[in-house]
Amino acid sequence: MTGEFPAGYRSSRAAFLHASREIGMRVESFEHPLTGSDGAQVCTDVASAGRADASRVLFIVCGTHGVEGLCGAGMQLGVMRGRLLQRNLPLRFVFVHALNPHGFLDLRRTNEDNVDLNRNFIDHTARPASNAAYAEVHPMLVPDDWGGAAHAEADVQLARFIEQRGGAALQAAISAGQYDFPDGLFYGGRAPAWSNLLWRRLLREYAGQARSIAVVDFHSGLGERGACEVISGAAAGSSEIELARRWFGDDIVFPGSTSTAPAAVGFMGTSIAETLPQARSALVVAEIGTVAFERIFAVLRADNWFHARGQRGSRLWQETKAAMEEAFVGRDRQWQQAVLAHADAICRRAVAGLLDTPD
């Protein structure tokens, strides 16, 4: 089934809609108010199966970080066409394709406003704390030119930073999330993004009646190539952590400690308890390894620069887009087979955990 992995948002959406209707799932499309960079409409599409009043609901999400939908959409199709949905189970399946459709279309991690959706789930009525470490490195990440003297000097400064403090310190400074530099990396935004609001709407509409809600959010990039980290999206100290262990296994990991993912604020995992506090819930990120972090950092930095200050459609811009694809999805058969196996296994864990939880 290695042909499941799409070439881009348009072909992915077509494959998702075809597969869901072929299986007999109910499909609902949510049009983004802004047209895509290609001039056409973009949507988040939702396919569901099972009783609308089910007390147990499993959400399977892709494209939270847009470009990562290249991997996540393939994982979704693998699950949809597998045997899991063929069983008559007392739960509801909800597949969310391209939660961040503009990012998927443009092969960006961020959305139409350069917002990292997985740093956007904060209380926007309060002023978020400044990330002083990011503020220090921001001029190095977004120099005045690309390929010129400013870029060269920024590279020297970054190398010095890593030499003095280590690569982990740079990763933590960048990845923790920041709210002061709209043209920067891992920017969390200053208001709830369209995709944030839509996700909360989907929770209410598809699981408002549920007693137990599990969410598997497919991501790619970090970790050993072809491996899968199951990362808890629960807030530190919350009751969701123990539930996540029961549903997904003791091998789940946690950002900033046992995971390759750093500690950060604004994760989507907090949204379920905030939106549906009456339900038991747990969200995990299934993170599929692709290439070394250094390569991911380099291409994210370049992609951010070209969208902030570069010329769209230039040769270097096109090369950067090709590098973004390479960084977030594998095109070889061995990698894709391993990824499909991970998708099936983690969704089976989620189903077993939900079914073992009494109403």
Protein backbone atom coordinates (compact mmCIF):
# COMPACT_ATOMS: atom_id res chain seq x y z
CA MET A 1 0.00 0.00 0.00
CA THR A 2 2.93 2.36 -0.54
CA GLY A 3 0.88 4.30 -3.10
CA GLU A 4 -1.17 5.76 -0.22
CA PHE A 5 1.25 8.64 0.36
CA PRO A 6 0.17 11.74 -1.61
CA ALA A 7 2.23 14.11 -3.72
CA GLY A 8 0.50 17.20 -2.30
CA TYR A 9 -2.66 18.66 -0.79
CA ARG A 10 -4.82 18.50 -3.92
CA SER A 11 -4.14 14.85 -4.72
CA SER A 12 -4.36 13.98 -1.04
CA ARG A 13 -7.76 15.57 -0.67
CA ALA A 14 -9.06 13.77 -3.76
CA ALA A 15 -7.79 10.42 -2.45
CA PHE A 16 -9.27 11.04 1.01
CA LEU A 17 -12.71 11.95 -0.33
CA HIS A 18 -12.70 9.01 -2.75
CA ALA A 19 -11.67 6.49 -0.09
CA SER A 20 -14.11 7.72 2.53
CA ARG A 21 -17.07 7.65 0.14
CA GLU A 22 -16.01 4.27 -1.23
CA ILE A 23 -16.06 2.89 2.31
CA GLY A 24 -19.44 4.51 2.97
CA MET A 25 -18.34 7.10 5.51
CA ARG A 26 -20.19 10.34 6.06
CA VAL A 27 -18.19 13.30 4.68
CA GLU A 28 -18.39 16.95 5.69
CA SER A 29 -16.16 19.70 4.29
CA PHE A 30 -15.23 22.96 6.03
CA GLU A 31 -14.11 25.65 3.59
CA HIS A 32 -11.40 28.03 4.71
CA PRO A 33 -12.40 31.70 4.25
CA LEU A 34 -9.20 32.39 2.27
CA THR A 35 -8.56 30.78 -1.10
CA GLY A 36 -5.31 28.88 -1.54
CA SER A 37 -2.13 30.24 -3.07
CA ASP A 38 -3.18 28.49 -6.31
CA GLY A 39 -6.42 30.51 -6.39
CA ALA A 40 -8.70 27.57 -5.51
CA GLN A 41 -10.71 26.75 -2.43
CA VAL A 42 -9.05 24.86 0.42
CA CYS A 43 -10.90 22.79 3.00
CA THR A 44 -10.55 20.67 6.06
CA ASP A 45 -12.50 17.49 5.31
CA VAL A 46 -14.00 15.20 7.93
CA ALA A 47 -15.08 11.58 7.36
CA SER A 48 -16.92 9.73 10.09
CA ALA A 49 -18.22 6.21 10.67
CA GLY A 50 -20.28 4.77 13.50
CA ARG A 51 -23.19 6.02 15.54
CA ALA A 52 -23.46 9.77 16.01
CA ASP A 53 -24.48 9.21 19.64
CA ALA A 54 -21.61 6.86 20.45
CA SER A 55 -20.16 7.31 23.93
CA ARG A 56 -16.65 6.54 22.66
CA VAL A 57 -15.02 8.56 19.87
CA LEU A 58 -11.65 8.20 18.16
CA PHE A 59 -10.32 11.17 16.17
CA ILE A 60 -7.52 10.50 13.66
CA VAL A 61 -5.98 13.78 12.49
CA CYS A 62 -3.45 14.79 9.84
CA GLY A 63 -1.95 18.05 8.64
CA THR A 64 -1.88 19.94 11.94
CA HIS A 65 1.57 20.93 10.76
CA GLY A 66 0.60 21.33 7.12
CA VAL A 67 3.50 19.73 5.23
CA GLU A 68 3.44 16.78 7.63
CA GLY A 69 0.13 15.85 6.01
CA LEU A 70 2.23 14.25 3.26
CA CYS A 71 2.97 11.52 5.79
CA GLY A 72 -0.15 11.76 7.95
CA ALA A 73 -2.62 11.55 5.07
CA GLY A 74 -0.95 8.36 3.89
CA MET A 75 -1.30 6.96 7.40
CA GLN A 76 -4.97 7.92 7.46
CA LEU A 77 -5.65 6.15 4.15
CA GLY A 78 -3.88 3.06 5.41
CA VAL A 79 -6.12 2.94 8.48
CA MET A 80 -9.28 3.69 6.48
CA ARG A 81 -8.58 0.89 4.03
CA GLY A 82 -7.45 -1.58 6.68
CA ARG A 83 -9.55 -3.98 8.68
CA LEU A 84 -10.15 -1.78 11.70
CA LEU A 85 -13.20 -0.03 10.22
CA GLN A 86 -14.68 -3.27 8.92
CA ARG A 87 -15.57 -4.43 12.42
CA ASN A 88 -18.93 -3.45 13.94
CA LEU A 89 -17.55 -1.59 16.95
CA PRO A 90 -19.49 0.47 19.51
CA LEU A 91 -17.53 3.65 18.86
CA ARG A 92 -17.33 6.47 16.37
CA PHE A 93 -14.36 7.04 14.05
CA VAL A 94 -13.69 10.61 12.93
CA PHE A 95 -10.93 11.27 10.37
CA VAL A 96 -9.84 14.92 10.05
CA HIS A 97 -7.90 15.57 6.85
CA ALA A 98 -5.74 18.71 6.59
CA LEU A 99 -6.57 20.52 9.82
CA ASN A 100 -4.19 23.20 8.51
CA PRO A 101 -5.07 23.17 4.79
CA HIS A 102 -3.04 26.22 3.71
CA GLY A 103 0.10 24.79 5.28
CA PHE A 104 -0.50 21.46 3.53
CA LEU A 105 -1.09 23.15 0.17
CA ASP A 106 2.02 25.34 0.45
CA LEU A 107 4.21 22.63 2.02
CA ARG A 108 4.69 24.73 5.12
CA ARG A 109 4.68 23.66 8.76
CA THR A 110 2.74 26.79 9.65
CA ASN A 111 -0.62 28.15 8.55
CA GLU A 112 -1.68 31.04 6.30
CA ASP A 113 -0.46 33.56 8.92
CA ASN A 114 2.84 31.81 9.68
CA VAL A 115 1.28 30.46 12.90
CA ASP A 116 2.42 27.13 14.26
CA LEU A 117 -0.92 25.56 15.11
CA ASN A 118 0.62 23.41 17.83
CA ARG A 119 1.78 26.54 19.65
CA ASN A 120 -1.55 28.35 19.20
CA PHE A 121 -3.60 26.61 21.91
CA ILE A 122 -2.99 29.10 24.70
CA ASP A 123 -5.15 31.61 26.55
CA HIS A 124 -4.98 34.51 24.12
CA THR A 125 -6.72 36.85 26.56
CA ALA A 126 -3.53 36.91 28.62
CA ARG A 127 -0.19 38.18 27.38
CA PRO A 128 2.04 35.12 26.81
CA ALA A 129 5.46 35.13 28.39
CA SER A 130 8.29 36.26 26.13
CA ASN A 131 10.78 33.65 24.98
CA ALA A 132 14.07 35.43 25.70
CA ALA A 133 16.15 32.59 24.29
CA TYR A 134 14.32 32.81 20.97
CA ALA A 135 14.60 36.59 20.89
CA GLU A 136 18.36 36.18 21.09
CA VAL A 137 18.58 33.86 18.08
CA HIS A 138 15.83 35.38 15.92
CA PRO A 139 18.18 37.73 13.99
CA MET A 140 20.35 34.71 13.20
CA LEU A 141 17.36 32.76 11.90
CA VAL A 142 15.88 35.51 9.72
CA PRO A 143 18.84 37.49 8.29
CA ASP A 144 18.40 40.44 5.95
CA ASP A 145 19.40 38.39 2.91
CA TRP A 146 19.71 34.76 1.85
CA GLY A 147 22.99 33.85 0.21
CA GLY A 148 24.65 37.17 0.94
CA ALA A 149 26.79 38.75 3.66
CA ALA A 150 24.01 38.91 6.26
CA HIS A 151 23.23 35.21 5.79
CA ALA A 152 26.91 34.29 6.09
CA GLU A 153 27.30 36.30 9.30
CA ALA A 154 24.12 34.76 10.75
CA ASP A 155 25.52 31.28 10.06
CA VAL A 156 28.73 32.19 11.88
CA GLN A 157 26.72 33.39 14.88
CA LEU A 158 24.60 30.23 14.91
CA ALA A 159 27.69 28.04 14.78
CA ARG A 160 29.16 30.01 17.69
CA PHE A 161 25.92 29.62 19.66
CA ILE A 162 25.97 25.85 19.16
CA GLU A 163 29.67 25.61 20.02
CA GLN A 164 29.20 27.53 23.27
CA ARG A 165 25.82 26.16 24.42
CA GLY A 166 25.13 23.04 22.39
CA GLY A 167 22.63 22.04 19.72
CA ALA A 168 20.03 21.07 22.30
CA ALA A 169 19.98 24.63 23.64
CA LEU A 170 19.34 25.97 20.15
CA GLN A 171 16.56 23.46 19.54
CA ALA A 172 14.93 24.34 22.85
CA ALA A 173 15.12 28.09 22.16
CA ILE A 174 13.50 27.71 18.76
CA SER A 175 10.98 24.94 19.37
CA ALA A 176 9.52 26.09 22.69
CA GLY A 177 7.23 28.52 20.88
CA GLN A 178 7.32 32.31 20.70
CA TYR A 179 4.70 35.06 20.41
CA ASP A 180 6.72 38.20 19.63
CA PHE A 181 8.05 37.65 16.10
CA PRO A 182 5.33 37.03 13.48
CA ASP A 183 8.00 36.48 10.81
CA GLY A 184 9.86 33.94 12.94
CA LEU A 185 9.90 30.21 13.50
CA PHE A 186 7.44 28.41 15.81
CA TYR A 187 5.30 31.54 16.11
CA GLY A 188 2.19 30.85 18.18
CA GLY A 189 0.05 33.75 16.97
CA ARG A 190 -1.85 36.43 18.85
CA ALA A 191 -5.36 35.00 18.51
CA PRO A 192 -6.90 31.57 17.99
CA ALA A 193 -6.25 30.46 14.41
CA TRP A 194 -9.08 29.37 12.11
CA SER A 195 -7.90 25.78 12.47
CA ASN A 196 -7.88 26.09 16.27
CA LEU A 197 -11.50 27.27 16.30
CA LEU A 198 -12.51 24.63 13.76
CA TRP A 199 -10.93 21.86 15.83
CA ARG A 200 -12.91 22.88 18.90
CA ARG A 201 -16.06 22.97 16.76
CA LEU A 202 -15.34 19.43 15.53
CA LEU A 203 -14.94 18.24 19.10
CA ARG A 204 -18.34 19.65 20.02
CA GLU A 205 -20.13 18.45 16.89
CA TYR A 206 -18.63 14.97 16.63
CA ALA A 207 -17.99 14.15 20.29
CA GLY A 208 -20.21 16.47 22.31
CA GLN A 209 -22.10 13.45 23.64
CA ALA A 210 -19.06 11.26 24.25
CA ARG A 211 -17.86 9.97 27.60
CA SER A 212 -14.44 8.89 26.29
CA ILE A 213 -12.44 10.63 23.54
CA ALA A 214 -9.10 9.53 22.11
CA VAL A 215 -7.16 11.55 19.55
CA VAL A 216 -4.27 10.32 17.39
CA ASP A 217 -2.57 13.24 15.64
CA PHE A 218 -0.19 12.11 12.88
CA HIS A 219 3.08 14.08 12.59
CA SER A 220 6.48 13.53 11.00
CA GLY A 221 10.03 14.79 11.23
CA LEU A 222 11.58 14.00 14.60
CA GLY A 223 13.20 10.76 15.64
CA GLU A 224 14.98 7.84 14.04
CA ARG A 225 14.02 7.31 10.40
CA GLY A 226 10.94 5.11 10.13
CA ALA A 227 10.45 4.88 13.89
CA CYS A 228 7.33 6.12 15.69
CA GLU A 229 7.28 8.00 18.97
CA VAL A 230 3.93 8.11 20.73
CA ILE A 231 4.04 11.47 22.48
CA SER A 232 1.55 12.49 25.15
CA GLY A 233 -0.21 15.77 24.49
CA ALA A 234 -1.47 16.06 28.06
CA ALA A 235 -0.64 18.97 30.30
CA ALA A 236 1.92 18.21 32.99
CA GLY A 237 0.29 16.79 36.13
CA SER A 238 -3.10 16.21 34.49
CA SER A 239 -5.22 13.09 34.90
CA GLU A 240 -5.00 12.60 31.14
CA ILE A 241 -1.46 11.28 31.49
CA GLU A 242 -2.51 8.12 33.31
CA LEU A 243 -5.40 7.64 30.88
CA ALA A 244 -3.01 8.02 27.94
CA ARG A 245 -0.81 5.30 29.42
CA ARG A 246 -3.80 2.99 29.83
CA TRP A 247 -5.02 3.57 26.28
CA PHE A 248 -1.74 3.82 24.40
CA GLY A 249 0.77 1.88 26.51
CA ASP A 250 3.56 2.56 28.96
CA ASP A 251 5.97 3.41 26.15
CA ILE A 252 4.41 6.83 25.53
CA VAL A 253 6.91 9.67 25.94
CA PHE A 254 6.70 13.26 27.08
CA PRO A 255 8.02 16.49 25.49
CA GLY A 256 11.07 17.91 27.13
CA SER A 257 11.99 14.74 28.99
CA THR A 258 11.66 11.31 27.39
CA SER A 259 10.70 12.50 23.89
CA THR A 260 12.72 13.90 21.00
CA ALA A 261 10.15 16.73 21.04
CA PRO A 262 11.08 19.68 23.27
CA ALA A 263 8.97 21.18 26.02
CA ALA A 264 6.69 23.89 24.64
CA VAL A 265 3.46 25.77 25.24
CA GLY A 266 0.31 25.91 23.13
CA PHE A 267 -0.03 22.20 22.33
CA MET A 268 -3.35 21.00 20.91
CA GLY A 269 -3.61 18.35 23.62
CA THR A 270 -5.08 20.83 26.11
CA SER A 271 -8.06 21.58 23.85
CA ILE A 272 -10.18 18.52 24.59
CA ALA A 273 -10.50 19.03 28.35
CA GLU A 274 -11.06 22.75 27.77
CA THR A 275 -13.79 22.16 25.19
CA LEU A 276 -15.45 19.02 26.61
CA PRO A 277 -14.53 18.91 30.31
CA GLN A 278 -17.15 16.24 31.08
CA ALA A 279 -15.40 13.59 28.94
CA ARG A 280 -12.40 11.40 29.68
CA SER A 281 -9.84 12.24 27.02
CA ALA A 282 -6.30 11.68 25.85
CA LEU A 283 -4.44 12.99 22.81
CA VAL A 284 -1.21 11.54 21.53
CA VAL A 285 1.04 12.63 18.69
CA ALA A 286 2.33 9.79 16.53
CA GLU A 287 5.68 11.26 15.44
CA ILE A 288 7.33 9.48 12.51
CA GLY A 289 11.08 9.90 12.07
CA THR A 290 12.36 11.10 8.70
CA VAL A 291 15.75 12.87 8.62
CA ALA A 292 18.20 14.29 11.16
CA PHE A 293 17.05 17.31 13.17
CA GLU A 294 19.86 19.41 11.71
CA ARG A 295 18.41 18.88 8.25
CA ILE A 296 14.88 19.71 9.43
CA PHE A 297 16.09 22.87 11.15
CA ALA A 298 17.96 24.00 8.04
CA VAL A 299 14.98 23.55 5.72
CA LEU A 300 12.48 25.10 8.17
CA ARG A 301 14.76 28.12 8.51
CA ALA A 302 15.03 28.48 4.72
CA ASP A 303 11.28 28.00 4.18
CA ASN A 304 10.48 30.59 6.83
CA TRP A 305 12.89 33.10 5.28
CA PHE A 306 11.50 32.74 1.75
CA HIS A 307 7.93 33.26 2.95
CA ALA A 308 8.91 36.18 5.15
CA ARG A 309 11.32 37.98 2.82
CA GLY A 310 12.02 35.97 -0.29
CA GLN A 311 10.69 35.77 -3.80
CA ARG A 312 7.96 33.18 -4.30
CA GLY A 313 8.58 31.02 -7.34
CA SER A 314 12.33 31.65 -7.50
CA ARG A 315 14.72 28.77 -8.11
CA LEU A 316 15.86 28.75 -4.48
CA TRP A 317 12.23 28.84 -3.32
CA GLN A 318 11.44 25.81 -5.48
CA GLU A 319 14.49 23.98 -4.15
CA THR A 320 13.36 24.75 -0.61
CA LYS A 321 9.91 23.29 -1.28
CA ALA A 322 11.48 20.10 -2.63
CA ALA A 323 13.62 19.95 0.52
CA MET A 324 10.53 20.41 2.71
CA GLU A 325 8.90 17.40 1.10
CA GLU A 326 12.04 15.31 1.55
CA ALA A 327 12.28 16.32 5.22
CA PHE A 328 8.76 15.25 6.16
CA VAL A 329 7.87 12.18 4.11
CA GLY A 330 9.79 9.17 2.84
CA ARG A 331 9.23 7.95 -0.70
CA ASP A 332 10.93 4.56 -0.36
CA ARG A 333 8.91 1.38 0.05
CA GLN A 334 10.57 0.23 3.29
CA TRP A 335 9.89 3.51 5.10
CA GLN A 336 6.28 3.68 3.95
CA GLN A 337 5.52 0.09 4.92
CA ALA A 338 6.94 0.72 8.39
CA VAL A 339 4.87 3.89 8.73
CA LEU A 340 1.63 2.16 7.72
CA ALA A 341 2.31 -0.55 10.29
CA HIS A 342 2.80 2.11 12.98
CA ALA A 343 -0.48 3.80 12.01
CA ASP A 344 -2.41 0.54 12.24
CA ALA A 345 -0.82 -0.41 15.57
CA ILE A 346 -1.43 2.90 17.33
CA CYS A 347 -5.05 3.13 16.16
CA ARG A 348 -5.67 -0.44 17.32
CA ARG A 349 -4.27 0.52 20.72
CA ALA A 350 -6.64 3.48 20.86
CA VAL A 351 -9.65 1.33 19.94
CA ALA A 352 -8.75 -1.31 22.53
CA GLY A 353 -8.30 1.34 25.19
CA LEU A 354 -11.64 2.98 24.44
CA LEU A 355 -13.48 -0.35 24.41
CA ASP A 356 -11.93 -1.32 27.76
CA THR A 357 -13.16 1.89 29.37
CA PRO A 358 -16.59 1.55 30.96
CA ASP A 359 -19.28 4.15 30.30
